[in-house]
């Protein structure tokens, strides 16, 4: 499992990505992290929202391509096939 394989799964499943930028203090991002169970607001912290509306899958600590792959498999494809990327600043 490598980064390119994980990226192909993201593209094939129409996964929408979001990147929260914490290079400067942002209370909205910190609150979202806390709401998702990351009480220390530590990064890296990954969240995958299943396409069926199920509970978010969260990952912190050592993030490996295999771990992301398994979470993406668990989440299933997105409802909308168009891939979009949004950056919170």
Protein backbone atom coordinates (compact mmCIF):
# COMPACT_ATOMS: atom_id res chain seq x y z
CA UNK A 1 0.00 0.00 0.00
CA UNK A 2 1.45 3.36 -0.95
CA UNK A 3 0.38 6.96 -1.38
CA UNK A 4 -0.49 6.51 -5.07
CA UNK A 5 -2.74 3.53 -4.34
CA UNK A 6 -4.52 5.51 -1.62
CA UNK A 7 -4.92 8.47 -3.99
CA UNK A 8 -6.44 6.20 -6.65
CA UNK A 9 -9.02 4.99 -4.10
CA UNK A 10 -9.82 8.61 -3.21
CA UNK A 11 -10.34 9.47 -6.89
CA UNK A 12 -12.26 6.29 -7.76
CA UNK A 13 -14.68 6.80 -4.87
CA UNK A 14 -15.19 10.51 -5.55
CA UNK A 15 -13.95 11.42 -2.08
CA UNK A 16 -14.21 15.10 -1.23
CA UNK A 17 -11.20 16.41 0.67
CA UNK A 18 -10.89 19.22 3.18
CA UNK A 19 -7.70 20.62 4.66
CA UNK A 20 -7.81 22.71 7.82
CA UNK A 21 -4.79 25.04 8.02
CA UNK A 22 -3.47 25.46 11.57
CA UNK A 23 -0.38 27.52 10.72
CA UNK A 24 -2.13 30.37 12.52
CA UNK A 25 -4.53 30.15 15.45
CA UNK A 26 -8.06 29.43 14.29
CA UNK A 27 -10.73 28.88 16.97
CA UNK A 28 -13.17 27.40 14.43
CA UNK A 29 -10.73 24.65 13.48
CA UNK A 30 -9.86 23.99 17.12
CA UNK A 31 -13.57 23.69 17.98
CA UNK A 32 -14.15 21.28 15.10
CA UNK A 33 -11.25 19.13 16.31
CA UNK A 34 -12.70 19.06 19.84
CA UNK A 35 -16.17 18.25 18.47
CA UNK A 36 -14.63 15.29 16.63
CA UNK A 37 -13.03 13.97 19.82
CA UNK A 38 -9.56 15.53 19.51
CA UNK A 39 -9.56 17.30 22.88
CA UNK A 40 -5.93 18.44 22.60
CA UNK A 41 -6.45 19.78 19.04
CA UNK A 42 -3.23 17.99 18.09
CA UNK A 43 -2.35 17.45 14.45
CA UNK A 44 -2.08 15.46 12.30
CA UNK A 45 -5.70 14.41 12.68
CA UNK A 46 -7.67 12.85 9.87
CA UNK A 47 -11.43 12.46 9.58
CA UNK A 48 -13.32 10.46 6.99
CA UNK A 49 -17.05 10.99 6.73
CA UNK A 50 -18.81 7.93 5.29
CA UNK A 51 -20.97 8.62 2.24
CA UNK A 52 -23.96 7.00 3.93
CA UNK A 53 -23.98 9.63 6.69
CA UNK A 54 -22.56 7.30 9.33
CA UNK A 55 -20.33 8.37 12.20
CA UNK A 56 -17.03 10.00 11.19
CA UNK A 57 -13.96 7.79 11.21
CA UNK A 58 -11.14 9.62 13.02
CA UNK A 59 -7.42 8.91 12.97
CA UNK A 60 -4.61 10.48 14.92
CA UNK A 61 -1.06 9.52 15.73
CA UNK A 62 0.92 7.67 13.09
CA UNK A 63 -1.05 7.83 9.85
CA UNK A 64 0.01 5.22 7.32
CA UNK A 65 -1.35 4.72 3.79
CA UNK A 66 -2.67 1.30 4.89
CA UNK A 67 -4.59 2.87 7.78
CA UNK A 68 -6.13 5.48 5.44
CA UNK A 69 -6.93 2.75 2.90
CA UNK A 70 -8.79 0.68 5.49
CA UNK A 71 -10.77 3.72 6.68
CA UNK A 72 -11.68 4.67 3.09
CA UNK A 73 -12.82 1.11 2.43
CA UNK A 74 -14.94 1.20 5.58
CA UNK A 75 -16.48 4.57 4.63
CA UNK A 76 -17.41 3.59 1.08
CA UNK A 77 -17.80 5.94 -1.89
CA UNK A 78 -19.00 9.52 -1.66
CA UNK A 79 -22.53 10.34 -2.77
CA UNK A 80 -21.33 12.81 -5.41
CA UNK A 81 -18.65 11.69 -7.85
CA UNK A 82 -17.22 15.20 -8.33
CA UNK A 83 -14.03 15.62 -6.28
CA UNK A 84 -13.66 19.02 -4.65
CA UNK A 85 -11.04 20.36 -2.32
CA UNK A 86 -11.65 23.06 0.22
CA UNK A 87 -9.14 24.77 2.47
CA UNK A 88 -10.15 26.35 5.78
CA UNK A 89 -7.98 29.32 6.75
